[in-house]
């Protein structure tokens, strides 16, 4: 890996007040860039989790005010002064609500490079004149998958030569010793194998399809099902309540378990034997590569970036297809050799495509060539 240019000053900008995948992955990028030798500064709100987490990981942090989504000239002028003070040469951001302020700041101060690390799928064409003006100030556009890149090419006028694909990453897991205590804490039988689903309890994640598929095969297997995740922040718990009500009304409480999100997520993956991602569509799916890192067999929906991540058409099912998912679960449940083979394939694919080392090499190459 070539060494970072010492004169580079990288800004990771995030005006979000929330704490989810977008914010976590922004901090993780800052950590990885700092690890390989770049000078990194996080620009975030004073009391936001993004800034607190950056400081906890010893990343230099500068506070900003929450900018408006559009035409916020005042905030752009303040940010321009901050970038000049810190001699910023590159700014990486992920939140689409920050596209406008980045564009204005870059127009006024074109000495730094603007890099948009896309976090979400586009919700339709972005080819109007206002969109073209805002997007024209982005120097490089990074997608997490080829699927996302193709969508951007289709829906925008961003030149293909500006576009790059750098998937997200996760750490190679270390073996944990807390698995047994996890079983005991949530009264999960240790003698039975388990299907696991990690993700917030949300209609978009579509845990109901998995739940109904599992219900349909109850009499054909003694495996159990575990959902790991919390409700979506500030969006109520109606969906989670409906899931639990379904479990109780159908006498599934001794076979289906709910676990809140755990900081030691590796203990979760070590506690399951088959991973299922029933989401209607995932822009990327960090939980997918986490499961791959643990060498788990995975079933995922044939939508979003999941087919590209898995690269195993036989392990895909159509979104919301209860019957197809049930059939594919039974195929892996009843065939240990096939399940182990799928897990080994996923572990090898993770090493070559989604490891920390691969992630660092791709970002280092991009930053050194622009």
Protein backbone atom coordinates (compact mmCIF):
# COMPACT_ATOMS: atom_id res chain seq x y z
CA UNK A 1 0.00 0.00 0.00
CA UNK A 2 1.40 3.42 -0.97
CA UNK A 3 1.86 5.91 1.86
CA UNK A 4 -0.65 8.77 2.27
CA UNK A 5 0.54 12.18 1.19
CA UNK A 6 1.55 13.99 4.40
CA UNK A 7 0.10 17.30 3.19
CA UNK A 8 -3.41 15.83 2.96
CA UNK A 9 -5.91 17.06 5.56
CA UNK A 10 -9.09 14.95 5.45
CA UNK A 11 -12.43 16.23 6.80
CA UNK A 12 -15.23 13.78 7.61
CA UNK A 13 -18.35 15.97 7.69
CA UNK A 14 -21.66 14.95 9.27
CA UNK A 15 -24.46 17.33 10.33
CA UNK A 16 -26.72 14.50 11.53
CA UNK A 17 -28.19 14.42 15.03
CA UNK A 18 -28.93 10.69 14.81
CA UNK A 19 -26.83 7.62 15.49
CA UNK A 20 -27.31 4.90 12.90
CA UNK A 21 -25.48 3.18 10.10
CA UNK A 22 -24.71 6.39 8.20
CA UNK A 23 -23.08 8.03 11.21
CA UNK A 24 -21.32 4.88 12.44
CA UNK A 25 -19.83 4.17 9.03
CA UNK A 26 -18.66 7.78 8.74
CA UNK A 27 -16.73 7.41 11.99
CA UNK A 28 -15.42 4.01 10.95
CA UNK A 29 -14.07 5.58 7.77
CA UNK A 30 -12.33 8.26 9.85
CA UNK A 31 -10.79 5.57 12.06
CA UNK A 32 -9.57 3.54 9.08
CA UNK A 33 -8.06 6.57 7.32
CA UNK A 34 -6.33 7.67 10.51
CA UNK A 35 -5.03 4.12 11.02
CA UNK A 36 -3.19 4.16 7.67
CA UNK A 37 -1.65 7.57 8.30
CA UNK A 38 -4.01 10.29 7.07
CA UNK A 39 -4.54 13.47 9.08
CA UNK A 40 -8.29 13.32 9.82
CA UNK A 41 -10.67 15.83 11.42
CA UNK A 42 -14.31 15.05 12.17
CA UNK A 43 -16.77 17.93 11.66
CA UNK A 44 -19.96 17.33 13.65
CA UNK A 45 -22.56 18.78 16.01
CA UNK A 46 -21.37 19.40 19.55
CA UNK A 47 -23.76 17.07 21.36
CA UNK A 48 -24.29 14.54 18.58
CA UNK A 49 -23.23 10.92 18.97
CA UNK A 50 -21.10 11.29 15.84
CA UNK A 51 -18.86 13.85 17.57
CA UNK A 52 -18.80 12.02 20.89
CA UNK A 53 -17.80 8.76 19.21
CA UNK A 54 -15.09 10.53 17.19
CA UNK A 55 -13.60 11.99 20.36
CA UNK A 56 -13.73 8.61 22.10
CA UNK A 57 -11.62 7.21 19.28
CA UNK A 58 -9.10 10.07 19.51
CA UNK A 59 -10.11 11.69 16.23
CA UNK A 60 -9.62 15.44 16.20
CA UNK A 61 -13.11 16.96 16.27
CA UNK A 62 -14.38 20.39 15.23
CA UNK A 63 -17.92 21.47 16.06
CA UNK A 64 -20.37 22.83 13.51
CA UNK A 65 -23.92 24.17 13.63
CA UNK A 66 -26.62 22.05 12.01
CA UNK A 67 -26.94 23.40 8.49
CA UNK A 68 -30.17 23.73 6.52
CA UNK A 69 -30.78 21.23 3.75
CA UNK A 70 -30.77 23.83 0.96
CA UNK A 71 -29.14 27.19 0.19
CA UNK A 72 -27.57 27.74 3.62
CA UNK A 73 -25.04 30.39 2.61
CA UNK A 74 -24.42 31.51 6.21
CA UNK A 75 -23.37 28.01 7.34
CA UNK A 76 -21.31 27.55 4.19
CA UNK A 77 -19.33 30.74 4.90
CA UNK A 78 -18.62 29.56 8.45
CA UNK A 79 -17.57 26.13 7.21
CA UNK A 80 -15.32 27.73 4.60
CA UNK A 81 -13.43 29.54 7.37
CA UNK A 82 -13.11 26.31 9.36
CA UNK A 83 -11.75 24.46 6.33
CA UNK A 84 -9.26 27.25 5.66
CA UNK A 85 -8.15 27.23 9.31
CA UNK A 86 -7.57 23.46 9.24
CA UNK A 87 -6.13 23.60 5.68
CA UNK A 88 -8.57 20.89 4.57
CA UNK A 89 -7.62 19.29 1.24
CA UNK A 90 -10.41 16.67 1.01
CA UNK A 91 -13.89 16.49 2.53
CA UNK A 92 -15.82 13.21 2.67
CA UNK A 93 -19.50 13.21 3.60
CA UNK A 94 -22.34 10.65 3.47
CA UNK A 95 -25.60 12.41 4.34
CA UNK A 96 -27.57 13.60 1.25
CA UNK A 97 -28.89 16.57 3.25
CA UNK A 98 -25.29 17.90 3.25
CA UNK A 99 -24.93 17.97 -0.55
CA UNK A 100 -26.07 21.58 -0.80
CA UNK A 101 -23.72 23.03 1.84
CA UNK A 102 -20.81 21.06 0.39
CA UNK A 103 -21.60 22.44 -3.05
CA UNK A 104 -21.77 26.06 -1.86
CA UNK A 105 -18.61 25.74 0.22
CA UNK A 106 -16.70 24.17 -2.65
CA UNK A 107 -17.94 26.80 -5.11
CA UNK A 108 -16.62 29.53 -2.80
CA UNK A 109 -13.42 27.66 -1.88
CA UNK A 110 -12.51 25.19 -4.67
CA UNK A 111 -9.10 24.32 -3.20
CA UNK A 112 -10.42 21.18 -1.50
CA UNK A 113 -11.86 18.03 -3.09
CA UNK A 114 -15.45 17.02 -2.34
CA UNK A 115 -16.08 13.27 -2.05
CA UNK A 116 -19.61 11.98 -1.59
CA UNK A 117 -19.69 8.50 -0.03
CA UNK A 118 -23.26 7.54 -0.85
CA UNK A 119 -25.20 5.94 2.01
CA UNK A 120 -28.70 5.49 0.61
CA UNK A 121 -30.40 4.55 -2.63
CA UNK A 122 -31.78 7.37 -4.77
CA UNK A 123 -35.57 7.71 -4.60
CA UNK A 124 -35.89 8.71 -8.27
CA UNK A 125 -34.30 10.78 -11.04
CA UNK A 126 -32.06 13.71 -10.02
CA UNK A 127 -31.62 15.34 -13.44
CA UNK A 128 -33.32 18.71 -12.92
CA UNK A 129 -31.27 21.90 -13.24
CA UNK A 130 -31.12 22.44 -9.43
CA UNK A 131 -29.92 18.86 -8.98
CA UNK A 132 -27.32 19.23 -11.72
CA UNK A 133 -25.99 22.42 -10.12
CA UNK A 134 -25.71 20.86 -6.65
CA UNK A 135 -24.13 17.62 -7.85
CA UNK A 136 -21.69 19.40 -10.16
CA UNK A 137 -19.56 20.44 -7.18
CA UNK A 138 -18.86 16.82 -6.19
CA UNK A 139 -15.39 15.85 -7.41
CA UNK A 140 -15.63 12.12 -6.74
CA UNK A 141 -18.68 9.95 -6.00
CA UNK A 142 -18.15 6.72 -4.06
CA UNK A 143 -20.79 3.97 -3.99
CA UNK A 144 -20.84 0.93 -1.72
CA UNK A 145 -21.82 -1.43 -4.55
CA UNK A 146 -21.97 -1.69 -8.32
CA UNK A 147 -25.74 -1.90 -7.99
CA UNK A 148 -25.78 1.55 -6.43
CA UNK A 149 -23.36 2.89 -9.03
CA UNK A 150 -25.63 1.74 -11.87
CA UNK A 151 -28.57 3.49 -10.21
CA UNK A 152 -26.64 6.77 -9.93
CA UNK A 153 -25.62 6.60 -13.60
CA UNK A 154 -29.26 6.00 -14.53
CA UNK A 155 -30.79 8.74 -12.37
CA UNK A 156 -28.21 11.55 -12.50
CA UNK A 157 -25.84 13.35 -14.88
CA UNK A 158 -22.79 12.51 -12.74
CA UNK A 159 -20.04 11.39 -15.18
CA UNK A 160 -19.11 7.71 -14.90
CA UNK A 161 -15.42 8.64 -14.61
CA UNK A 162 -16.15 10.39 -11.30
CA UNK A 163 -17.65 7.26 -9.82
CA UNK A 164 -15.96 4.59 -7.70
CA UNK A 165 -17.09 1.50 -5.81
CA UNK A 166 -15.75 0.91 -2.30
CA UNK A 167 -17.84 -1.50 -0.21
CA UNK A 168 -18.22 -1.04 3.52
CA UNK A 169 -16.12 -3.21 5.81
CA UNK A 170 -16.21 -4.87 9.18
CA UNK A 171 -13.55 -6.20 11.48
CA UNK A 172 -12.53 -9.83 11.41
CA UNK A 173 -14.22 -11.17 14.56
CA UNK A 174 -12.39 -12.50 17.57
CA UNK A 175 -13.76 -15.49 19.39
CA UNK A 176 -15.91 -14.50 22.37
CA UNK A 177 -16.61 -16.23 25.66
CA UNK A 178 -19.95 -14.59 26.46
CA UNK A 179 -22.14 -16.79 24.25
CA UNK A 180 -23.36 -19.00 27.11
CA UNK A 181 -24.32 -16.02 29.29
CA UNK A 182 -26.30 -14.68 26.33
CA UNK A 183 -28.35 -17.87 26.22
CA UNK A 184 -28.97 -17.75 29.95
CA UNK A 185 -29.90 -14.06 30.01
CA UNK A 186 -32.63 -14.45 27.37
CA UNK A 187 -33.70 -18.01 28.25
CA UNK A 188 -32.68 -19.44 24.88
CA UNK A 189 -32.25 -23.24 24.77
CA UNK A 190 -28.61 -24.09 24.15
CA UNK A 191 -29.29 -27.56 22.79
CA UNK A 192 -31.14 -26.35 19.68
CA UNK A 193 -29.71 -24.80 16.53
CA UNK A 194 -30.81 -21.28 15.67
CA UNK A 195 -31.80 -19.12 12.71
CA UNK A 196 -30.78 -15.50 13.32
CA UNK A 197 -31.89 -12.15 11.92
CA UNK A 198 -30.04 -8.97 12.93
CA UNK A 199 -31.51 -5.53 12.26
CA UNK A 200 -33.84 -2.91 13.63
CA UNK A 201 -37.45 -4.04 14.00
CA UNK A 202 -38.95 -2.15 11.11
CA UNK A 203 -41.36 -2.80 8.20
CA UNK A 204 -38.56 -2.20 5.68
CA UNK A 205 -36.56 -5.01 7.33
CA UNK A 206 -39.65 -7.23 6.94
CA UNK A 207 -39.12 -9.60 9.85
CA UNK A 208 -42.73 -10.70 9.37
CA UNK A 209 -41.85 -12.65 6.21
CA UNK A 210 -39.19 -14.59 8.11
CA UNK A 211 -41.52 -15.13 11.06
CA UNK A 212 -44.31 -16.54 8.87
CA UNK A 213 -41.86 -18.69 6.92
CA UNK A 214 -40.50 -20.12 10.16
CA UNK A 215 -44.02 -20.78 11.42
CA UNK A 216 -44.74 -22.81 8.29
CA UNK A 217 -41.82 -25.20 8.94
CA UNK A 218 -42.19 -25.58 12.71
CA UNK A 219 -43.23 -29.22 12.50
CA UNK A 220 -40.35 -30.07 10.16
CA UNK A 221 -37.49 -28.85 12.34
CA UNK A 222 -36.57 -28.34 15.98
CA UNK A 223 -34.52 -25.22 15.23
CA UNK A 224 -35.38 -21.92 16.94
CA UNK A 225 -35.54 -18.36 15.58
CA UNK A 226 -33.87 -15.29 17.12
CA UNK A 227 -34.51 -11.66 16.18
CA UNK A 228 -31.75 -9.28 17.29
CA UNK A 229 -32.44 -5.54 17.16
CA UNK A 230 -34.29 -2.54 18.55
CA UNK A 231 -37.05 -0.36 17.15
CA UNK A 232 -36.22 2.50 14.79
CA UNK A 233 -35.16 5.58 16.77
CA UNK A 234 -38.05 8.03 17.36
CA UNK A 235 -40.42 6.07 15.10
CA UNK A 236 -42.45 4.15 17.68
CA UNK A 237 -42.65 0.45 18.40
CA UNK A 238 -45.86 -0.53 16.58
CA UNK A 239 -44.09 -2.97 14.27
CA UNK A 240 -42.14 -4.62 17.10
CA UNK A 241 -45.35 -4.91 19.11
CA UNK A 242 -47.11 -6.54 16.15
CA UNK A 243 -44.29 -9.09 15.78
CA UNK A 244 -44.46 -10.05 19.46
CA UNK A 245 -48.25 -10.21 19.36
CA UNK A 246 -48.07 -12.61 16.40
CA UNK A 247 -45.64 -14.81 18.33
CA UNK A 248 -47.88 -14.92 21.41
CA UNK A 249 -51.14 -15.45 19.52
CA UNK A 250 -49.65 -18.37 17.58
CA UNK A 251 -48.01 -20.02 20.62
CA UNK A 252 -44.49 -19.50 19.28
CA UNK A 253 -42.90 -18.04 22.41
CA UNK A 254 -40.91 -21.21 23.12
CA UNK A 255 -39.43 -21.18 19.59
CA UNK A 256 -39.04 -17.47 18.72
CA UNK A 257 -36.90 -15.08 20.79
CA UNK A 258 -36.28 -11.33 20.73
CA UNK A 259 -32.94 -9.89 21.85
CA UNK A 260 -32.10 -6.15 22.01
CA UNK A 261 -29.13 -5.02 19.96
CA UNK A 262 -25.89 -6.05 21.69
CA UNK A 263 -22.65 -4.05 21.68
CA UNK A 264 -20.77 -7.35 21.52
CA UNK A 265 -22.40 -8.25 18.21
CA UNK A 266 -19.86 -11.02 17.57
CA UNK A 267 -21.39 -13.03 20.41
CA UNK A 268 -24.70 -12.89 18.55
CA UNK A 269 -23.29 -14.25 15.30
CA UNK A 270 -21.50 -17.02 17.17
CA UNK A 271 -24.84 -17.98 18.69
CA UNK A 272 -26.65 -18.66 15.40
CA UNK A 273 -26.26 -21.34 12.74
CA UNK A 274 -28.06 -19.78 9.77
CA UNK A 275 -28.46 -16.08 8.98
CA UNK A 276 -31.49 -14.69 7.13
CA UNK A 277 -31.83 -11.16 5.73
CA UNK A 278 -35.52 -10.64 4.80
CA UNK A 279 -35.29 -6.88 4.06
CA UNK A 280 -37.41 -5.60 1.19
CA UNK A 281 -34.27 -3.85 -0.11
CA UNK A 282 -30.86 -3.00 1.35
CA UNK A 283 -28.56 -0.31 0.00
CA UNK A 284 -25.67 -2.39 1.30
CA UNK A 285 -26.43 -4.46 4.40
CA UNK A 286 -23.61 -4.28 6.95
CA UNK A 287 -25.16 -7.18 8.87
CA UNK A 288 -24.69 -9.32 5.76
CA UNK A 289 -20.92 -8.90 5.72
CA UNK A 290 -20.80 -9.32 9.51
CA UNK A 291 -22.47 -12.71 9.07
CA UNK A 292 -20.06 -13.50 6.23
CA UNK A 293 -17.11 -12.68 8.48
CA UNK A 294 -18.37 -15.32 10.90
CA UNK A 295 -18.58 -17.93 8.17
CA UNK A 296 -22.36 -18.30 8.37
CA UNK A 297 -24.59 -19.62 5.63
CA UNK A 298 -26.84 -16.74 4.53
CA UNK A 299 -30.20 -16.40 2.82
CA UNK A 300 -31.08 -12.93 1.53
CA UNK A 301 -33.62 -11.16 -0.62
CA UNK A 302 -33.09 -10.83 -4.34
CA UNK A 303 -33.13 -7.02 -4.15
CA UNK A 304 -30.90 -4.01 -3.57
CA UNK A 305 -27.21 -4.83 -3.18
CA UNK A 306 -27.74 -8.20 -1.47
CA UNK A 307 -27.33 -10.32 -4.66
CA UNK A 308 -24.01 -8.58 -5.33
CA UNK A 309 -22.78 -9.07 -1.77
CA UNK A 310 -23.62 -12.75 -1.60
CA UNK A 311 -22.80 -13.67 -5.21
CA UNK A 312 -24.80 -16.89 -4.72
CA UNK A 313 -28.07 -16.86 -6.70
CA UNK A 314 -29.17 -20.11 -5.07
CA UNK A 315 -29.17 -18.37 -1.67
CA UNK A 316 -31.62 -15.64 -2.73
CA UNK A 317 -35.41 -15.45 -2.38
CA UNK A 318 -37.86 -12.90 -3.69
CA UNK A 319 -38.87 -10.20 -1.15
CA UNK A 320 -41.94 -11.12 0.92
CA UNK A 321 -42.10 -14.63 -0.57
CA UNK A 322 -42.92 -16.71 2.51
CA UNK A 323 -43.04 -20.04 0.71
CA UNK A 324 -39.76 -19.64 -1.17
CA UNK A 325 -37.91 -18.61 1.97
CA UNK A 326 -39.34 -21.57 3.91
CA UNK A 327 -38.15 -23.97 1.21
CA UNK A 328 -34.65 -22.53 1.15
CA UNK A 329 -34.38 -22.54 4.95
CA UNK A 330 -35.31 -26.22 5.09
CA UNK A 331 -32.77 -27.02 2.38
CA UNK A 332 -29.94 -25.64 4.55
CA UNK A 333 -31.37 -26.82 7.87
CA UNK A 334 -31.52 -30.42 6.63
CA UNK A 335 -28.11 -30.48 4.94
CA UNK A 336 -25.15 -29.81 7.24
CA UNK A 337 -22.60 -30.22 4.44
CA UNK A 338 -24.39 -27.73 2.18
CA UNK A 339 -24.73 -25.24 5.05
CA UNK A 340 -21.05 -25.55 5.96
CA UNK A 341 -20.01 -25.17 2.31
CA UNK A 342 -22.06 -21.96 2.01
CA UNK A 343 -20.49 -20.62 5.21
CA UNK A 344 -16.95 -21.32 4.01
CA UNK A 345 -17.66 -19.57 0.72
CA UNK A 346 -18.95 -16.51 2.59
CA UNK A 347 -15.89 -16.39 4.87
CA UNK A 348 -13.51 -16.45 1.89
CA UNK A 349 -15.52 -13.82 0.02
CA UNK A 350 -15.45 -11.58 3.07
CA UNK A 351 -11.65 -11.76 3.25
CA UNK A 352 -11.19 -10.68 -0.37
CA UNK A 353 -14.00 -8.10 -0.66
CA UNK A 354 -15.09 -6.67 2.71
CA UNK A 355 -12.19 -6.82 5.17
CA UNK A 356 -10.53 -3.82 6.83
CA UNK A 357 -7.39 -4.32 4.74
CA UNK A 358 -9.29 -4.24 1.44
CA UNK A 359 -11.23 -1.16 2.57
CA UNK A 360 -8.05 0.71 3.57
CA UNK A 361 -6.28 -0.14 0.32
CA UNK A 362 -9.16 1.11 -1.85
CA UNK A 363 -9.56 4.40 0.02
CA UNK A 364 -5.82 4.99 0.10
CA UNK A 365 -5.62 4.44 -3.66
CA UNK A 366 -8.54 6.78 -4.37
CA UNK A 367 -7.28 9.63 -2.20
CA UNK A 368 -3.76 9.40 -3.61
CA UNK A 369 -4.91 9.52 -7.23
CA UNK A 370 -7.29 12.51 -7.15
